Amino acid sequence: MSDSARADDSSSEPATSPPAEAAAPNERAVGPSDAEADAAPEAATEAPASASEVLGAALGDAARRAGLDPAEGKSTGHVVWSAMGGWRGILESVLPGLVFLVTWTATYDPESRSGNLLLSLGLSVGLAAVFTAVRLIQRQSASAAIGGLIAAAAAAGLSLWTGRGEDSFIPGFLTNTIYGTAFIVSALIGWPLIGLAVGFLMGEGTAWRADRRKRRVFFWLSLAWGALFALRLIVQVPLYFAGDVTALGTLKLVMGLPLFAPLVAVTWLAVRALYPRAPK
């Protein structure tokens, strides 16, 4: 909305009209009261941001970088595509795990019940390193790629240290546990993470908590995200203890982007319904 249109309330007075002081000689000159003057310095000092505001700002900024800003009014398909990172993001997310799975399966020895761990991990981490190097050379945003490379290297190091292929999935279990717990707990205590992020993006802070409809939608959306992370653990952890690396790797891929993308779309549509765009 434009602030440029302002009404001009000034009017010209006859030259013979007496000055205001003469009309009311005993009246004190109009100006801010002592109380207002004393309160001015206090009003100028901003209160420190609360923990919810800081967390909401961090979540909202991360969502904005991923292309998830409801204020921009983009189409659902565009938002989902941006959240996945486009073709490059999909390849960077899927190919390292797929290469590990294919190499492990191709080199699997039924007698030792193991594949070539060093080769599988080497190719997977090497591919992640190539993706990261290409982004750095092209001077593109590489934070996600670097994070993925560090995670892949840590998982590979753990697996090589123990000599067990299934141990390379432990960092993923920890990530799903942290994210799932955060989403579920935040919803149960009345501060759903989705609401904090959306409130920051839409410029209303935590005012959405006064709206029962918004609280309910953000509650269920946060639970849905928590359920996604919990479902991954419920399905994959038993396979880890069974030592079935092939099935574990396959389900990790299947329960990755194929479940992530639809939930992004549902979240986006629900938030847009809460904040309809004003007609132009």
Protein backbone atom coordinates (compact mmCIF):
# COMPACT_ATOMS: atom_id res chain seq x y z
CA MET A 1 0.00 0.00 0.00
CA SER A 2 1.27 3.54 -0.81
CA ASP A 3 1.79 6.09 1.95
CA SER A 4 2.39 8.97 -0.51
CA ALA A 5 -1.20 10.25 -0.53
CA ARG A 6 -1.66 12.41 2.51
CA ALA A 7 -4.42 15.03 3.09
CA ASP A 8 -3.40 18.66 3.56
CA ASP A 9 -5.57 20.00 6.39
CA SER A 10 -4.04 23.48 6.48
CA SER A 11 -6.41 26.39 5.69
CA SER A 12 -5.79 30.07 5.23
CA GLU A 13 -7.08 32.49 7.95
CA PRO A 14 -8.19 36.11 7.50
CA ALA A 15 -5.49 38.63 8.26
CA THR A 16 -7.70 40.23 10.94
CA SER A 17 -8.09 37.12 13.05
CA PRO A 18 -6.37 37.42 16.43
CA PRO A 19 -3.42 35.16 17.19
CA ALA A 20 -4.13 32.09 19.24
CA GLU A 21 -2.16 33.46 22.19
CA ALA A 22 -4.32 36.56 22.37
CA ALA A 23 -7.55 34.55 22.31
CA ALA A 24 -6.44 32.45 25.25
CA PRO A 25 -3.76 34.33 27.20
CA ASN A 26 -3.84 31.96 30.19
CA GLU A 27 -3.75 28.77 28.06
CA ARG A 28 -0.49 26.85 27.99
CA ALA A 29 1.15 26.47 24.58
CA VAL A 30 0.21 23.26 22.83
CA GLY A 31 3.00 20.71 22.94
CA PRO A 32 3.89 17.28 24.23
CA SER A 33 3.11 16.68 27.87
CA ASP A 34 5.82 16.07 30.39
CA ALA A 35 4.80 12.43 30.62
CA GLU A 36 5.02 12.00 26.83
CA ALA A 37 8.40 13.72 26.77
CA ASP A 38 9.70 11.44 29.49
CA ALA A 39 8.34 8.36 27.72
CA ALA A 40 9.90 9.26 24.37
CA PRO A 41 13.41 7.95 25.17
CA GLU A 42 11.93 4.74 26.51
CA ALA A 43 9.83 4.23 23.36
CA ALA A 44 12.89 4.81 21.22
CA THR A 45 14.67 1.94 22.93
CA GLU A 46 13.55 -1.31 21.33
CA ALA A 47 12.89 -4.31 23.51
CA PRO A 48 15.22 -7.25 22.89
CA ALA A 49 13.83 -9.92 20.58
CA SER A 50 12.24 -12.90 22.29
CA ALA A 51 13.41 -16.47 21.70
CA SER A 52 10.34 -17.17 19.55
CA GLU A 53 11.10 -14.13 17.37
CA VAL A 54 14.73 -15.13 16.93
CA LEU A 55 13.78 -18.71 16.05
CA GLY A 56 11.03 -17.54 13.71
CA ALA A 57 13.45 -15.21 11.94
CA ALA A 58 15.98 -18.03 11.48
CA LEU A 59 13.35 -20.45 10.16
CA GLY A 60 11.77 -17.82 7.95
CA ASP A 61 15.11 -16.80 6.48
CA ALA A 62 15.91 -20.44 5.70
CA ALA A 63 12.49 -20.89 4.08
CA ARG A 64 12.97 -17.73 2.01
CA ARG A 65 16.36 -18.93 0.74
CA ALA A 66 14.68 -22.19 -0.29
CA GLY A 67 12.05 -20.26 -2.25
CA LEU A 68 9.26 -20.78 0.30
CA ASP A 69 7.98 -17.24 0.80
CA PRO A 70 4.15 -17.00 0.79
CA ALA A 71 4.37 -13.23 0.34
CA GLU A 72 5.78 -13.69 -3.17
CA GLY A 73 2.62 -15.41 -4.47
CA LYS A 74 4.42 -17.96 -6.67
CA SER A 75 2.65 -21.02 -8.07
CA THR A 76 2.69 -24.27 -6.11
CA GLY A 77 4.70 -26.07 -8.78
CA HIS A 78 7.32 -23.33 -8.82
CA VAL A 79 7.62 -23.41 -5.04
CA VAL A 80 8.02 -27.19 -4.87
CA TRP A 81 10.60 -27.10 -7.66
CA SER A 82 12.55 -24.35 -5.88
CA ALA A 83 12.42 -26.23 -2.56
CA MET A 84 13.99 -29.26 -4.24
CA GLY A 85 16.65 -27.06 -5.84
CA GLY A 86 15.64 -27.71 -9.44
CA TRP A 87 17.36 -30.36 -11.53
CA ARG A 88 20.73 -29.65 -9.95
CA GLY A 89 19.35 -29.94 -6.42
CA ILE A 90 17.65 -33.22 -7.26
CA LEU A 91 20.83 -34.66 -8.75
CA GLU A 92 22.93 -33.49 -5.80
CA SER A 93 20.44 -35.03 -3.39
CA VAL A 94 19.85 -38.36 -5.14
CA LEU A 95 22.95 -39.32 -7.12
CA PRO A 96 25.49 -39.84 -4.28
CA GLY A 97 23.13 -42.19 -2.45
CA LEU A 98 22.18 -43.95 -5.68
CA VAL A 99 25.82 -44.47 -6.64
CA PHE A 100 26.54 -45.93 -3.19
CA LEU A 101 23.54 -48.27 -3.48
CA VAL A 102 24.37 -49.45 -7.01
CA THR A 103 28.06 -50.00 -6.25
CA TRP A 104 27.33 -51.84 -3.00
CA THR A 105 24.78 -54.10 -4.70
CA ALA A 106 27.04 -54.76 -7.70
CA THR A 107 29.97 -55.76 -5.49
CA TYR A 108 27.93 -57.64 -2.89
CA ASP A 109 29.43 -60.98 -1.81
CA PRO A 110 26.81 -63.41 -0.45
CA GLU A 111 29.44 -65.30 1.55
CA SER A 112 30.72 -62.26 3.45
CA ARG A 113 27.32 -60.59 3.24
CA SER A 114 29.03 -57.34 2.35
CA GLY A 115 29.79 -55.18 -0.66
CA ASN A 116 32.92 -53.25 -1.45
CA LEU A 117 32.55 -50.63 1.28
CA LEU A 118 35.58 -48.52 0.37
CA LEU A 119 34.65 -48.31 -3.31
CA SER A 120 30.99 -47.57 -2.60
CA LEU A 121 31.73 -44.80 -0.13
CA GLY A 122 34.60 -43.40 -2.20
CA LEU A 123 32.44 -42.98 -5.29
CA SER A 124 29.55 -41.52 -3.31
CA VAL A 125 31.64 -38.94 -1.42
CA GLY A 126 33.68 -38.20 -4.54
CA LEU A 127 30.53 -37.36 -6.48
CA ALA A 128 29.32 -35.08 -3.69
CA ALA A 129 32.72 -33.36 -3.76
CA VAL A 130 32.44 -32.82 -7.52
CA PHE A 131 29.00 -31.22 -7.14
CA THR A 132 30.35 -28.91 -4.46
CA ALA A 133 33.42 -27.98 -6.49
CA VAL A 134 31.30 -27.14 -9.55
CA ARG A 135 29.15 -24.77 -7.47
CA LEU A 136 32.22 -23.09 -6.02
CA ILE A 137 33.84 -22.69 -9.45
CA GLN A 138 30.63 -21.19 -10.84
CA ARG A 139 30.40 -18.96 -7.74
CA GLN A 140 26.92 -20.17 -6.97
CA SER A 141 25.40 -20.75 -3.54
CA ALA A 142 27.13 -23.86 -2.24
CA SER A 143 26.00 -23.93 1.40
CA ALA A 144 23.62 -26.86 0.87
CA ALA A 145 26.18 -28.76 -1.22
CA ILE A 146 28.92 -28.16 1.36
CA GLY A 147 26.60 -29.31 4.14
CA GLY A 148 25.76 -32.44 2.17
CA LEU A 149 29.44 -33.12 1.50
CA ILE A 150 30.33 -32.78 5.18
CA ALA A 151 27.46 -35.11 6.15
CA ALA A 152 28.49 -37.65 3.50
CA ALA A 153 32.11 -37.53 4.61
CA ALA A 154 31.16 -37.98 8.27
CA ALA A 155 28.91 -40.93 7.42
CA ALA A 156 31.64 -42.50 5.31
CA GLY A 157 34.23 -42.02 8.04
CA LEU A 158 31.98 -43.68 10.61
CA SER A 159 31.23 -46.59 8.30
CA LEU A 160 34.89 -47.13 7.42
CA TRP A 161 35.83 -46.98 11.11
CA THR A 162 33.32 -49.69 12.05
CA GLY A 163 33.64 -51.63 8.78
CA ARG A 164 29.83 -51.86 8.49
CA GLY A 165 27.99 -50.40 5.50
CA GLU A 166 24.79 -49.84 7.47
CA ASP A 167 26.58 -47.46 9.84
CA SER A 168 26.78 -44.85 7.08
CA PHE A 169 23.04 -44.27 7.65
CA ILE A 170 23.42 -43.33 11.35
CA PRO A 171 23.88 -39.57 10.71
CA GLY A 172 20.63 -39.61 8.76
CA PHE A 173 18.86 -41.28 11.68
CA LEU A 174 20.14 -38.57 14.00
CA THR A 175 18.97 -35.81 11.65
CA ASN A 176 15.50 -37.30 11.34
CA THR A 177 15.29 -37.72 15.11
CA ILE A 178 16.22 -34.09 15.78
CA TYR A 179 13.92 -32.64 13.13
CA GLY A 180 11.01 -34.92 13.98
CA THR A 181 11.27 -34.21 17.69
CA ALA A 182 11.50 -30.45 17.11
CA PHE A 183 8.39 -30.35 14.91
CA ILE A 184 6.28 -32.55 17.16
CA VAL A 185 7.30 -30.95 20.46
CA SER A 186 6.83 -27.44 19.07
CA ALA A 187 3.29 -28.32 17.99
CA LEU A 188 2.39 -29.92 21.32
CA ILE A 189 3.56 -26.93 23.38
CA GLY A 190 1.62 -24.49 21.21
CA TRP A 191 4.52 -22.95 19.28
CA PRO A 192 4.58 -24.92 15.99
CA LEU A 193 7.68 -24.29 13.94
CA ILE A 194 5.65 -23.78 10.77
CA GLY A 195 3.78 -20.95 12.47
CA LEU A 196 6.98 -19.27 13.65
CA ALA A 197 8.46 -19.35 10.14
CA VAL A 198 5.28 -18.17 8.41
CA GLY A 199 4.72 -15.42 10.97
CA PHE A 200 8.16 -14.01 10.23
CA LEU A 201 7.71 -14.27 6.45
CA MET A 202 4.30 -12.58 6.54
CA GLY A 203 5.51 -9.82 8.86
CA GLU A 204 3.13 -10.59 11.72
CA GLY A 205 5.59 -12.11 14.19
CA THR A 206 3.65 -14.24 16.64
CA ALA A 207 0.32 -12.45 16.18
CA TRP A 208 -1.01 -15.57 14.43
CA ARG A 209 -1.34 -17.21 17.85
CA ALA A 210 -4.40 -15.02 18.49
CA ASP A 211 -6.11 -16.58 15.46
CA ARG A 212 -7.61 -19.97 16.28
CA ARG A 213 -7.77 -21.08 12.64
CA LYS A 214 -4.11 -20.31 12.02
CA ARG A 215 -3.05 -22.04 15.23
CA ARG A 216 -4.92 -25.17 14.21
CA VAL A 217 -3.48 -25.25 10.68
CA PHE A 218 0.09 -24.65 11.87
CA PHE A 219 -0.37 -27.32 14.54
CA TRP A 220 -1.35 -30.00 12.04
CA LEU A 221 1.25 -28.97 9.48
CA SER A 222 4.01 -29.22 12.08
CA LEU A 223 2.72 -32.61 13.18
CA ALA A 224 2.69 -33.76 9.56
CA TRP A 225 6.35 -32.81 9.13
CA GLY A 226 7.21 -34.49 12.40
CA ALA A 227 5.36 -37.60 11.24
CA LEU A 228 7.40 -37.68 8.02
CA PHE A 229 10.68 -37.80 9.93
CA ALA A 230 9.26 -40.32 12.40
CA LEU A 231 8.03 -42.56 9.57
CA ARG A 232 11.50 -42.69 8.08
CA LEU A 233 12.89 -43.90 11.39
CA ILE A 234 10.11 -46.44 11.93
CA VAL A 235 10.73 -48.01 8.52
CA GLN A 236 14.51 -47.74 8.24
CA VAL A 237 15.83 -48.44 11.74
CA PRO A 238 14.68 -52.12 11.74
CA LEU A 239 16.54 -52.58 8.43
CA TYR A 240 19.64 -51.10 10.03
CA PHE A 241 19.58 -53.67 12.83
CA ALA A 242 18.95 -56.40 10.25
CA GLY A 243 22.08 -55.27 8.37
CA ASP A 244 20.18 -55.00 5.07
CA VAL A 245 22.13 -52.21 3.40
CA THR A 246 20.49 -52.63 -0.02
CA ALA A 247 16.94 -52.32 1.33
CA LEU A 248 18.01 -49.49 3.64
CA GLY A 249 19.56 -47.50 0.80
CA THR A 250 16.57 -48.09 -1.45
CA LEU A 251 14.04 -46.93 1.12
CA LYS A 252 16.13 -43.92 2.02
CA LEU A 253 15.86 -42.77 -1.59
CA VAL A 254 12.15 -43.62 -1.84
CA MET A 255 11.32 -41.82 1.42
CA GLY A 256 13.38 -38.75 0.51
CA LEU A 257 12.23 -36.37 -2.23
CA PRO A 258 9.14 -38.43 -3.20
CA LEU A 259 7.67 -37.72 0.26
CA PHE A 260 9.27 -34.33 0.77
CA ALA A 261 7.83 -32.71 -2.38
CA PRO A 262 4.12 -33.50 -1.75
CA LEU A 263 4.36 -32.28 1.85
CA VAL A 264 5.93 -29.01 0.66
CA ALA A 265 2.99 -28.60 -1.73
CA VAL A 266 0.42 -29.29 1.01
CA THR A 267 2.15 -26.84 3.36
CA TRP A 268 2.29 -24.15 0.69
CA LEU A 269 -1.39 -24.53 -0.25
CA ALA A 270 -2.49 -24.46 3.39
CA VAL A 271 -0.49 -21.31 4.14
CA ARG A 272 -1.77 -19.55 1.03
CA ALA A 273 -5.34 -20.32 2.12
CA LEU A 274 -4.62 -18.60 5.43
CA TYR A 275 -3.09 -15.56 3.73
CA PRO A 276 -5.02 -14.93 0.51
CA ARG A 277 -3.51 -12.30 -1.74
CA ALA A 278 -5.40 -9.05 -2.00
CA PRO A 279 -6.98 -8.55 -5.46
CA LYS A 280 -5.09 -6.08 -7.64
